[in-house]
Amino acid sequence: QLYFPNNVSTNSATNNVSVQLLVDERKQGELESLNLKAILNYNNRN
């Protein structure tokens, strides 16, 4: 979670999400080195 004020939280207690994506077959070895994370950026809220 990025830039969340102290008085704001989400409606879920989970700290993980599932992601599905397509990766270039030539770059599969680089996927692990990316250290992928799911981001909730408060500045991009609706």
All heavy atoms as atom14 arrays in JSON, in Angstrom:
{
  "sequence": "QLYFPNNVSTNSATNNVSVQLLVDERKQGELESLNLKAILNYNNRN",
  "atom14_mask": [
    [1, 1, 1, 1, 1, 1, 1, 1, 1, 0, 0, 0, 0, 0],
    [1, 1, 1, 1, 1, 1, 1, 1, 0, 0, 0, 0, 0, 0],
    [1, 1, 1, 1, 1, 1, 1, 1, 1, 1, 1, 1, 0, 0],
    [1, 1, 1, 1, 1, 1, 1, 1, 1, 1, 1, 0, 0, 0],
    [1, 1, 1, 1, 1, 1, 1, 0, 0, 0, 0, 0, 0, 0],
    [1, 1, 1, 1, 1, 1, 1, 1, 0, 0, 0, 0, 0, 0],
    [1, 1, 1, 1, 1, 1, 1, 1, 0, 0, 0, 0, 0, 0],
    [1, 1, 1, 1, 1, 1, 1, 0, 0, 0, 0, 0, 0, 0],
    [1, 1, 1, 1, 1, 1, 0, 0, 0, 0, 0, 0, 0, 0],
    [1, 1, 1, 1, 1, 1, 1, 0, 0, 0, 0, 0, 0, 0],
    [1, 1, 1, 1, 1, 1, 1, 1, 0, 0, 0, 0, 0, 0],
    [1, 1, 1, 1, 1, 1, 0, 0, 0, 0, 0, 0, 0, 0],
    [1, 1, 1, 1, 1, 0, 0, 0, 0, 0, 0, 0, 0, 0],
    [1, 1, 1, 1, 1, 1, 1, 0, 0, 0, 0, 0, 0, 0],
    [1, 1, 1, 1, 1, 1, 1, 1, 0, 0, 0, 0, 0, 0],
    [1, 1, 1, 1, 1, 1, 1, 1, 0, 0, 0, 0, 0, 0],
    [1, 1, 1, 1, 1, 1, 1, 0, 0, 0, 0, 0, 0, 0],
    [1, 1, 1, 1, 1, 1, 0, 0, 0, 0, 0, 0, 0, 0],
    [1, 1, 1, 1, 1, 1, 1, 0, 0, 0, 0, 0, 0, 0],
    [1, 1, 1, 1, 1, 1, 1, 1, 1, 0, 0, 0, 0, 0],
    [1, 1, 1, 1, 1, 1, 1, 1, 0, 0, 0, 0, 0, 0],
    [1, 1, 1, 1, 1, 1, 1, 1, 0, 0, 0, 0, 0, 0],
    [1, 1, 1, 1, 1, 1, 1, 0, 0, 0, 0, 0, 0, 0],
    [1, 1, 1, 1, 1, 1, 1, 1, 0, 0, 0, 0, 0, 0],
    [1, 1, 1, 1, 1, 1, 1, 1, 1, 0, 0, 0, 0, 0],
    [1, 1, 1, 1, 1, 1, 1, 1, 1, 1, 1, 0, 0, 0],
    [1, 1, 1, 1, 1, 1, 1, 1, 1, 0, 0, 0, 0, 0],
    [1, 1, 1, 1, 1, 1, 1, 1, 1, 0, 0, 0, 0, 0],
    [1, 1, 1, 1, 0, 0, 0, 0, 0, 0, 0, 0, 0, 0],
    [1, 1, 1, 1, 1, 1, 1, 1, 1, 0, 0, 0, 0, 0],
    [1, 1, 1, 1, 1, 1, 1, 1, 0, 0, 0, 0, 0, 0],
    [1, 1, 1, 1, 1, 1, 1, 1, 1, 0, 0, 0, 0, 0],
    [1, 1, 1, 1, 1, 1, 0, 0, 0, 0, 0, 0, 0, 0],
    [1, 1, 1, 1, 1, 1, 1, 1, 0, 0, 0, 0, 0, 0],
    [1, 1, 1, 1, 1, 1, 1, 1, 0, 0, 0, 0, 0, 0],
    [1, 1, 1, 1, 1, 1, 1, 1, 0, 0, 0, 0, 0, 0],
    [1, 1, 1, 1, 1, 1, 1, 1, 1, 0, 0, 0, 0, 0],
    [1, 1, 1, 1, 1, 0, 0, 0, 0, 0, 0, 0, 0, 0],
    [1, 1, 1, 1, 1, 1, 1, 1, 0, 0, 0, 0, 0, 0],
    [1, 1, 1, 1, 1, 1, 1, 1, 0, 0, 0, 0, 0, 0],
    [1, 1, 1, 1, 1, 1, 1, 1, 0, 0, 0, 0, 0, 0],
    [1, 1, 1, 1, 1, 1, 1, 1, 1, 1, 1, 1, 0, 0],
    [1, 1, 1, 1, 1, 1, 1, 1, 0, 0, 0, 0, 0, 0],
    [1, 1, 1, 1, 1, 1, 1, 1, 0, 0, 0, 0, 0, 0],
    [1, 1, 1, 1, 1, 1, 1, 1, 1, 1, 1, 0, 0, 0],
    [1, 1, 1, 1, 1, 1, 1, 1, 0, 0, 0, 0, 0, 0]
  ],
  "atom14_positions": [
    [[0.84, -1.18, 0.0], [0.0, 0.0, 0.0], [0.89, 1.24, 0.0], [1.78, 1.38, 0.83], [-0.91, 0.0, 1.23], [-1.92, -1.13, 1.23], [-2.88, -1.03, 2.41], [-2.74, -0.15, 3.29], [-3.86, -1.93, 2.45], [0.0, 0.0, 0.0], [0.0, 0.0, 0.0], [0.0, 0.0, 0.0], [0.0, 0.0, 0.0], [0.0, 0.0, 0.0]],
    [[0.62, 2.15, -0.94], [1.43, 3.36, -1.06], [0.58, 4.6, -0.8], [-0.55, 4.7, -1.31], [2.04, 3.45, -2.47], [2.95, 2.3, -2.92], [3.47, 2.56, -4.34], [4.11, 2.13, -1.96], [0.0, 0.0, 0.0], [0.0, 0.0, 0.0], [0.0, 0.0, 0.0], [0.0, 0.0, 0.0], [0.0, 0.0, 0.0], [0.0, 0.0, 0.0]],
    [[1.15, 5.52, 0.01], [0.59, 6.86, 0.24], [-0.78, 6.81, 0.92], [-1.59, 7.72, 0.75], [0.48, 7.64, -1.08], [1.74, 7.6, -1.9], [1.75, 7.02, -3.16], [2.94, 8.14, -1.39], [2.91, 6.96, -3.91], [4.1, 8.08, -2.13], [4.09, 7.49, -3.39], [5.24, 7.43, -4.14], [0.0, 0.0, 0.0], [0.0, 0.0, 0.0]],
    [[-1.05, 5.75, 1.7], [-2.32, 5.66, 2.42], [-2.26, 6.54, 3.67], [-1.31, 6.44, 4.47], [-2.62, 4.23, 2.84], [-3.38, 3.43, 1.81], [-2.82, 3.17, 0.57], [-4.65, 2.96, 2.1], [-3.51, 2.43, -0.37], [-5.35, 2.22, 1.16], [-4.79, 1.95, -0.08], [0.0, 0.0, 0.0], [0.0, 0.0, 0.0], [0.0, 0.0, 0.0]],
    [[-3.25, 7.41, 3.88], [-3.33, 8.14, 5.15], [-3.61, 7.16, 6.3], [-4.1, 6.05, 6.09], [-4.52, 9.09, 4.94], [-4.7, 9.16, 3.45], [-4.29, 7.82, 2.94], [0.0, 0.0, 0.0], [0.0, 0.0, 0.0], [0.0, 0.0, 0.0], [0.0, 0.0, 0.0], [0.0, 0.0, 0.0], [0.0, 0.0, 0.0], [0.0, 0.0, 0.0]],
    [[-3.33, 7.61, 7.54], [-3.51, 6.73, 8.69], [-4.97, 6.36, 8.92], [-5.25, 5.29, 9.49], [-2.95, 7.41, 9.96], [-1.43, 7.54, 9.88], [-0.78, 6.73, 9.22], [-0.89, 8.57, 10.54], [0.0, 0.0, 0.0], [0.0, 0.0, 0.0], [0.0, 0.0, 0.0], [0.0, 0.0, 0.0], [0.0, 0.0, 0.0], [0.0, 0.0, 0.0]],
    [[-5.88, 7.21, 8.47], [-7.31, 6.94, 8.72], [-7.99, 6.2, 7.58], [-9.22, 6.12, 7.54], [-8.04, 8.26, 8.99], [-8.04, 9.17, 7.76], [-7.14, 9.08, 6.92], [-9.06, 10.03, 7.67], [0.0, 0.0, 0.0], [0.0, 0.0, 0.0], [0.0, 0.0, 0.0], [0.0, 0.0, 0.0], [0.0, 0.0, 0.0], [0.0, 0.0, 0.0]],
    [[-7.23, 5.67, 6.64], [-7.81, 4.97, 5.49], [-7.27, 3.55, 5.43], [-6.07, 3.32, 5.62], [-7.48, 5.69, 4.17], [-8.1, 4.93, 2.99], [-7.98, 7.13, 4.2], [0.0, 0.0, 0.0], [0.0, 0.0, 0.0], [0.0, 0.0, 0.0], [0.0, 0.0, 0.0], [0.0, 0.0, 0.0], [0.0, 0.0, 0.0], [0.0, 0.0, 0.0]],
    [[-8.19, 2.6, 5.19], [-7.8, 1.19, 5.02], [-8.68, 0.57, 3.94], [-9.56, 1.23, 3.37], [-7.97, 0.43, 6.35], [-9.34, 0.49, 6.77], [0.0, 0.0, 0.0], [0.0, 0.0, 0.0], [0.0, 0.0, 0.0], [0.0, 0.0, 0.0], [0.0, 0.0, 0.0], [0.0, 0.0, 0.0], [0.0, 0.0, 0.0], [0.0, 0.0, 0.0]],
    [[-8.43, -0.71, 3.67], [-9.25, -1.4, 2.66], [-10.28, -2.28, 3.35], [-10.2, -2.54, 4.56], [-8.37, -2.26, 1.74], [-7.77, -3.3, 2.49], [-7.3, -1.41, 1.08], [0.0, 0.0, 0.0], [0.0, 0.0, 0.0], [0.0, 0.0, 0.0], [0.0, 0.0, 0.0], [0.0, 0.0, 0.0], [0.0, 0.0, 0.0], [0.0, 0.0, 0.0]],
    [[-11.22, -2.75, 2.57], [-12.3, -3.57, 3.11], [-11.89, -5.04, 3.22], [-12.73, -5.91, 3.44], [-13.54, -3.48, 2.22], [-13.28, -4.02, 0.82], [-12.14, -4.04, 0.37], [-14.34, -4.45, 0.15], [0.0, 0.0, 0.0], [0.0, 0.0, 0.0], [0.0, 0.0, 0.0], [0.0, 0.0, 0.0], [0.0, 0.0, 0.0], [0.0, 0.0, 0.0]],
    [[-10.62, -5.37, 3.04], [-10.17, -6.75, 3.07], [-8.97, -6.89, 3.99], [-8.1, -6.02, 4.04], [-9.8, -7.23, 1.67], [-9.26, -8.52, 1.69], [0.0, 0.0, 0.0], [0.0, 0.0, 0.0], [0.0, 0.0, 0.0], [0.0, 0.0, 0.0], [0.0, 0.0, 0.0], [0.0, 0.0, 0.0], [0.0, 0.0, 0.0], [0.0, 0.0, 0.0]],
    [[-8.94, -8.02, 4.69], [-7.83, -8.27, 5.59], [-6.7, -9.03, 4.89], [-5.63, -9.23, 5.47], [-8.29, -9.08, 6.8], [0.0, 0.0, 0.0], [0.0, 0.0, 0.0], [0.0, 0.0, 0.0], [0.0, 0.0, 0.0], [0.0, 0.0, 0.0], [0.0, 0.0, 0.0], [0.0, 0.0, 0.0], [0.0, 0.0, 0.0], [0.0, 0.0, 0.0]],
    [[-6.92, -9.45, 3.67], [-5.91, -10.23, 2.95], [-4.74, -9.35, 2.55], [-4.9, -8.16, 2.26], [-6.5, -10.9, 1.71], [-5.47, -11.68, 1.07], [-7.0, -9.89, 0.71], [0.0, 0.0, 0.0], [0.0, 0.0, 0.0], [0.0, 0.0, 0.0], [0.0, 0.0, 0.0], [0.0, 0.0, 0.0], [0.0, 0.0, 0.0], [0.0, 0.0, 0.0]],
    [[-3.59, -9.94, 2.52], [-2.38, -9.23, 2.09], [-1.84, -9.74, 0.77], [-0.71, -9.4, 0.39], [-1.29, -9.36, 3.17], [-1.64, -8.62, 4.44], [-2.18, -7.51, 4.38], [-1.36, -9.23, 5.59], [0.0, 0.0, 0.0], [0.0, 0.0, 0.0], [0.0, 0.0, 0.0], [0.0, 0.0, 0.0], [0.0, 0.0, 0.0], [0.0, 0.0, 0.0]],
    [[-2.65, -10.55, 0.06], [-2.21, -11.14, -1.21], [-3.33, -11.07, -2.26], [-4.51, -10.99, -1.9], [-1.81, -12.61, -1.02], [-0.61, -12.78, -0.11], [0.5, -12.48, -0.48], [-0.87, -13.26, 1.11], [0.0, 0.0, 0.0], [0.0, 0.0, 0.0], [0.0, 0.0, 0.0], [0.0, 0.0, 0.0], [0.0, 0.0, 0.0], [0.0, 0.0, 0.0]],
    [[-2.93, -11.09, -3.49], [-3.87, -11.21, -4.61], [-3.3, -12.2, -5.62], [-2.1, -12.47, -5.64], [-4.11, -9.85, -5.32], [-4.8, -8.87, -4.4], [-2.81, -9.3, -5.87], [0.0, 0.0, 0.0], [0.0, 0.0, 0.0], [0.0, 0.0, 0.0], [0.0, 0.0, 0.0], [0.0, 0.0, 0.0], [0.0, 0.0, 0.0], [0.0, 0.0, 0.0]],
    [[-4.19, -12.76, -6.45], [-3.76, -13.63, -7.56], [-3.6, -12.78, -8.81], [-4.43, -11.89, -9.07], [-4.8, -14.72, -7.81], [-4.92, -15.56, -6.68], [0.0, 0.0, 0.0], [0.0, 0.0, 0.0], [0.0, 0.0, 0.0], [0.0, 0.0, 0.0], [0.0, 0.0, 0.0], [0.0, 0.0, 0.0], [0.0, 0.0, 0.0], [0.0, 0.0, 0.0]],
    [[-2.55, -13.05, -9.56], [-2.33, -12.33, -10.81], [-2.17, -13.35, -11.94], [-1.54, -14.39, -11.78], [-1.1, -11.41, -10.73], [0.17, -12.2, -10.5], [-0.97, -10.58, -12.01], [0.0, 0.0, 0.0], [0.0, 0.0, 0.0], [0.0, 0.0, 0.0], [0.0, 0.0, 0.0], [0.0, 0.0, 0.0], [0.0, 0.0, 0.0], [0.0, 0.0, 0.0]],
    [[-2.78, -13.02, -13.06], [-2.64, -13.84, -14.27], [-2.1, -12.94, -15.37], [-2.61, -11.84, -15.6], [-4.0, -14.42, -14.68], [-3.94, -15.3, -15.91], [-5.26, -15.99, -16.19], [-5.84, -16.65, -15.31], [-5.75, -15.84, -17.4], [0.0, 0.0, 0.0], [0.0, 0.0, 0.0], [0.0, 0.0, 0.0], [0.0, 0.0, 0.0], [0.0, 0.0, 0.0]],
    [[-1.05, -13.42, -16.05], [-0.41, -12.59, -17.08], [0.2, -13.46, -18.16], [0.31, -14.69, -18.03], [0.65, -11.68, -16.44], [1.71, -12.33, -15.53], [2.83, -12.95, -16.35], [2.27, -11.32, -14.55], [0.0, 0.0, 0.0], [0.0, 0.0, 0.0], [0.0, 0.0, 0.0], [0.0, 0.0, 0.0], [0.0, 0.0, 0.0], [0.0, 0.0, 0.0]],
    [[0.59, -12.8, -19.25], [1.31, -13.46, -20.34], [2.72, -12.91, -20.37], [2.93, -11.7, -20.29], [0.62, -13.19, -21.69], [-0.81, -13.71, -21.85], [-1.36, -13.3, -23.23], [-0.87, -15.22, -21.7], [0.0, 0.0, 0.0], [0.0, 0.0, 0.0], [0.0, 0.0, 0.0], [0.0, 0.0, 0.0], [0.0, 0.0, 0.0], [0.0, 0.0, 0.0]],
    [[3.69, -13.82, -20.52], [5.09, -13.4, -20.55], [5.75, -13.96, -21.8], [5.52, -15.1, -22.2], [5.83, -13.85, -19.27], [5.79, -15.37, -19.12], [7.27, -13.34, -19.28], [0.0, 0.0, 0.0], [0.0, 0.0, 0.0], [0.0, 0.0, 0.0], [0.0, 0.0, 0.0], [0.0, 0.0, 0.0], [0.0, 0.0, 0.0], [0.0, 0.0, 0.0]],
    [[6.56, -13.14, -22.43], [7.34, -13.53, -23.6], [8.14, -14.78, -23.25], [8.87, -14.82, -22.25], [8.28, -12.37, -23.98], [9.05, -12.61, -25.27], [9.39, -13.76, -25.56], [9.32, -11.61, -25.97], [0.0, 0.0, 0.0], [0.0, 0.0, 0.0], [0.0, 0.0, 0.0], [0.0, 0.0, 0.0], [0.0, 0.0, 0.0], [0.0, 0.0, 0.0]],
    [[7.99, -15.85, -24.07], [8.65, -17.11, -23.75], [10.16, -16.96, -23.64], [10.82, -17.74, -22.94], [8.31, -18.17, -24.81], [8.8, -17.83, -26.21], [8.46, -18.91, -27.23], [8.01, -20.0, -26.82], [8.62, -18.65, -28.45], [0.0, 0.0, 0.0], [0.0, 0.0, 0.0], [0.0, 0.0, 0.0], [0.0, 0.0, 0.0], [0.0, 0.0, 0.0]],
    [[10.74, -15.97, -24.29], [12.18, -15.77, -24.24], [12.62, -15.09, -22.94], [13.81, -15.04, -22.64], [12.62, -14.93, -25.44], [12.29, -15.52, -26.79], [12.46, -14.51, -27.9], [11.55, -13.37, -27.74], [11.47, -12.36, -28.6], [12.23, -12.35, -29.68], [10.63, -11.37, -28.37], [0.0, 0.0, 0.0], [0.0, 0.0, 0.0], [0.0, 0.0, 0.0]],
    [[11.64, -14.54, -22.2], [11.97, -13.76, -21.01], [11.49, -14.41, -19.73], [11.48, -13.76, -18.67], [11.33, -12.37, -21.12], [11.77, -11.56, -22.33], [13.2, -11.07, -22.17], [13.59, -10.13, -23.3], [14.96, -9.61, -23.13], [0.0, 0.0, 0.0], [0.0, 0.0, 0.0], [0.0, 0.0, 0.0], [0.0, 0.0, 0.0], [0.0, 0.0, 0.0]],
    [[11.11, -15.69, -19.8], [10.57, -16.34, -18.6], [11.59, -16.36, -17.46], [11.22, -16.23, -16.29], [10.14, -17.77, -18.92], [8.94, -17.84, -19.85], [8.48, -19.27, -20.06], [7.79, -19.83, -19.19], [8.86, -19.86, -21.18], [0.0, 0.0, 0.0], [0.0, 0.0, 0.0], [0.0, 0.0, 0.0], [0.0, 0.0, 0.0], [0.0, 0.0, 0.0]],
    [[12.85, -16.52, -17.81], [13.88, -16.56, -16.77], [14.03, -15.24, -16.04], [14.53, -15.22, -14.91], [0.0, 0.0, 0.0], [0.0, 0.0, 0.0], [0.0, 0.0, 0.0], [0.0, 0.0, 0.0], [0.0, 0.0, 0.0], [0.0, 0.0, 0.0], [0.0, 0.0, 0.0], [0.0, 0.0, 0.0], [0.0, 0.0, 0.0], [0.0, 0.0, 0.0]],
    [[13.61, -14.13, -16.67], [13.76, -12.81, -16.05], [12.59, -12.46, -15.14], [12.64, -11.45, -14.43], [13.91, -11.74, -17.13], [15.12, -11.95, -18.02], [15.25, -10.86, -19.07], [14.68, -9.77, -18.85], [15.9, -11.09, -20.1], [0.0, 0.0, 0.0], [0.0, 0.0, 0.0], [0.0, 0.0, 0.0], [0.0, 0.0, 0.0], [0.0, 0.0, 0.0]],
    [[11.53, -13.29, -15.2], [10.32, -12.96, -14.45], [10.58, -12.96, -12.95], [10.13, -12.06, -12.21], [9.21, -13.96, -14.8], [7.8, -13.59, -14.36], [7.35, -12.3, -15.03], [6.83, -14.72, -14.71], [0.0, 0.0, 0.0], [0.0, 0.0, 0.0], [0.0, 0.0, 0.0], [0.0, 0.0, 0.0], [0.0, 0.0, 0.0], [0.0, 0.0, 0.0]],
    [[11.35, -13.94, -12.46], [11.61, -14.04, -11.02], [12.44, -12.87, -10.51], [12.26, -12.41, -9.38], [12.31, -15.36, -10.72], [11.46, -16.59, -11.0], [12.18, -17.87, -10.64], [13.31, -17.78, -10.09], [11.63, -18.96, -10.91], [0.0, 0.0, 0.0], [0.0, 0.0, 0.0], [0.0, 0.0, 0.0], [0.0, 0.0, 0.0], [0.0, 0.0, 0.0]],
    [[13.34, -12.38, -11.35], [14.22, -11.28, -10.9], [13.47, -9.95, -10.8], [14.03, -8.98, -10.27], [15.4, -11.13, -11.86], [14.95, -10.76, -13.17], [0.0, 0.0, 0.0], [0.0, 0.0, 0.0], [0.0, 0.0, 0.0], [0.0, 0.0, 0.0], [0.0, 0.0, 0.0], [0.0, 0.0, 0.0], [0.0, 0.0, 0.0], [0.0, 0.0, 0.0]],
    [[12.25, -9.9, -11.29], [11.49, -8.63, -11.26], [10.96, -8.32, -9.86], [10.6, -7.17, -9.57], [10.32, -8.7, -12.24], [10.66, -8.66, -13.72], [9.4, -8.79, -14.56], [11.38, -7.37, -14.07], [0.0, 0.0, 0.0], [0.0, 0.0, 0.0], [0.0, 0.0, 0.0], [0.0, 0.0, 0.0], [0.0, 0.0, 0.0], [0.0, 0.0, 0.0]],
    [[10.87, -9.37, -8.99], [10.31, -9.16, -7.65], [8.94, -8.49, -7.75], [8.7, -7.4, -7.2], [11.26, -8.32, -6.8], [10.84, -8.31, -5.33], [10.16, -9.24, -4.86], [11.24, -7.28, -4.6], [0.0, 0.0, 0.0], [0.0, 0.0, 0.0], [0.0, 0.0, 0.0], [0.0, 0.0, 0.0], [0.0, 0.0, 0.0], [0.0, 0.0, 0.0]],
    [[8.03, -9.15, -8.48], [6.71, -8.58, -8.74], [5.91, -8.4, -7.45], [5.91, -9.26, -6.56], [5.93, -9.49, -9.7], [6.45, -9.57, -11.13], [5.61, -10.55, -11.93], [6.45, -8.21, -11.8], [0.0, 0.0, 0.0], [0.0, 0.0, 0.0], [0.0, 0.0, 0.0], [0.0, 0.0, 0.0], [0.0, 0.0, 0.0], [0.0, 0.0, 0.0]],
    [[5.22, -7.28, -7.37], [4.33, -6.99, -6.24], [3.05, -6.36, -6.76], [3.05, -5.7, -7.81], [5.01, -6.04, -5.26], [6.17, -6.64, -4.51], [6.75, -5.64, -3.5], [7.93, -6.25, -2.76], [8.5, -5.29, -1.77], [0.0, 0.0, 0.0], [0.0, 0.0, 0.0], [0.0, 0.0, 0.0], [0.0, 0.0, 0.0], [0.0, 0.0, 0.0]],
    [[1.97, -6.57, -6.0], [0.7, -5.9, -6.3], [0.68, -4.59, -5.55], [0.96, -4.54, -4.35], [-0.47, -6.78, -5.89], [0.0, 0.0, 0.0], [0.0, 0.0, 0.0], [0.0, 0.0, 0.0], [0.0, 0.0, 0.0], [0.0, 0.0, 0.0], [0.0, 0.0, 0.0], [0.0, 0.0, 0.0], [0.0, 0.0, 0.0], [0.0, 0.0, 0.0]],
    [[0.34, -3.51, -6.24], [0.4, -2.17, -5.66], [-1.0, -1.59, -5.54], [-1.81, -1.63, -6.49], [1.27, -1.23, -6.52], [2.69, -1.78, -6.65], [1.27, 0.18, -5.95], [3.44, -1.88, -5.35], [0.0, 0.0, 0.0], [0.0, 0.0, 0.0], [0.0, 0.0, 0.0], [0.0, 0.0, 0.0], [0.0, 0.0, 0.0], [0.0, 0.0, 0.0]],
    [[-1.28, -1.03, -4.36], [-2.46, -0.2, -4.15], [-1.96, 1.22, -3.89], [-1.46, 1.53, -2.81], [-3.29, -0.7, -2.96], [-3.95, -2.08, -3.11], [-4.7, -2.44, -1.83], [-4.89, -2.09, -4.29], [0.0, 0.0, 0.0], [0.0, 0.0, 0.0], [0.0, 0.0, 0.0], [0.0, 0.0, 0.0], [0.0, 0.0, 0.0], [0.0, 0.0, 0.0]],
    [[-2.09, 2.07, -4.89], [-1.58, 3.44, -4.8], [-2.76, 4.35, -4.5], [-3.64, 4.56, -5.34], [-0.91, 3.84, -6.11], [-0.2, 5.17, -6.02], [-0.58, 6.03, -5.21], [0.82, 5.36, -6.83], [0.0, 0.0, 0.0], [0.0, 0.0, 0.0], [0.0, 0.0, 0.0], [0.0, 0.0, 0.0], [0.0, 0.0, 0.0], [0.0, 0.0, 0.0]],
    [[-2.74, 4.92, -3.3], [-3.87, 5.76, -2.86], [-4.08, 6.95, -3.8], [-5.21, 7.39, -3.99], [-3.61, 6.25, -1.43], [-4.74, 7.08, -0.86], [-5.92, 6.49, -0.43], [-4.6, 8.47, -0.75], [-6.95, 7.26, 0.09], [-5.63, 9.25, -0.25], [-6.81, 8.63, 0.17], [-7.84, 9.41, 0.68], [0.0, 0.0, 0.0], [0.0, 0.0, 0.0]],
    [[-3.03, 7.45, -4.4], [-3.17, 8.59, -5.3], [-3.94, 8.24, -6.58], [-4.4, 9.15, -7.28], [-1.79, 9.14, -5.67], [-1.09, 9.76, -4.49], [-1.73, 10.22, -3.54], [0.24, 9.76, -4.5], [0.0, 0.0, 0.0], [0.0, 0.0, 0.0], [0.0, 0.0, 0.0], [0.0, 0.0, 0.0], [0.0, 0.0, 0.0], [0.0, 0.0, 0.0]],
    [[-4.05, 6.95, -6.87], [-4.76, 6.51, -8.08], [-6.17, 6.01, -7.77], [-6.78, 5.32, -8.59], [-3.97, 5.4, -8.78], [-2.63, 5.87, -9.29], [-2.46, 7.05, -9.6], [-1.66, 4.96, -9.37], [0.0, 0.0, 0.0], [0.0, 0.0, 0.0], [0.0, 0.0, 0.0], [0.0, 0.0, 0.0], [0.0, 0.0, 0.0], [0.0, 0.0, 0.0]],
    [[-6.69, 6.35, -6.59], [-8.02, 5.88, -6.19], [-9.1, 6.48, -7.07], [-8.92, 7.54, -7.67], [-8.28, 6.24, -4.73], [-8.42, 7.75, -4.49], [-8.42, 8.07, -3.0], [-8.59, 9.5, -2.73], [-7.65, 10.4, -2.82], [-6.43, 10.05, -3.19], [-7.91, 11.67, -2.53], [0.0, 0.0, 0.0], [0.0, 0.0, 0.0], [0.0, 0.0, 0.0]],
    [[-10.22, 5.82, -7.16], [-11.41, 6.33, -7.85], [-12.22, 7.13, -6.85], [-12.83, 6.57, -5.93], [-12.23, 5.16, -8.42], [-13.38, 5.63, -9.29], [-13.93, 6.7, -9.08], [-13.74, 4.82, -10.26], [0.0, 0.0, 0.0], [0.0, 0.0, 0.0], [0.0, 0.0, 0.0], [0.0, 0.0, 0.0], [0.0, 0.0, 0.0], [0.0, 0.0, 0.0]]
  ]
}
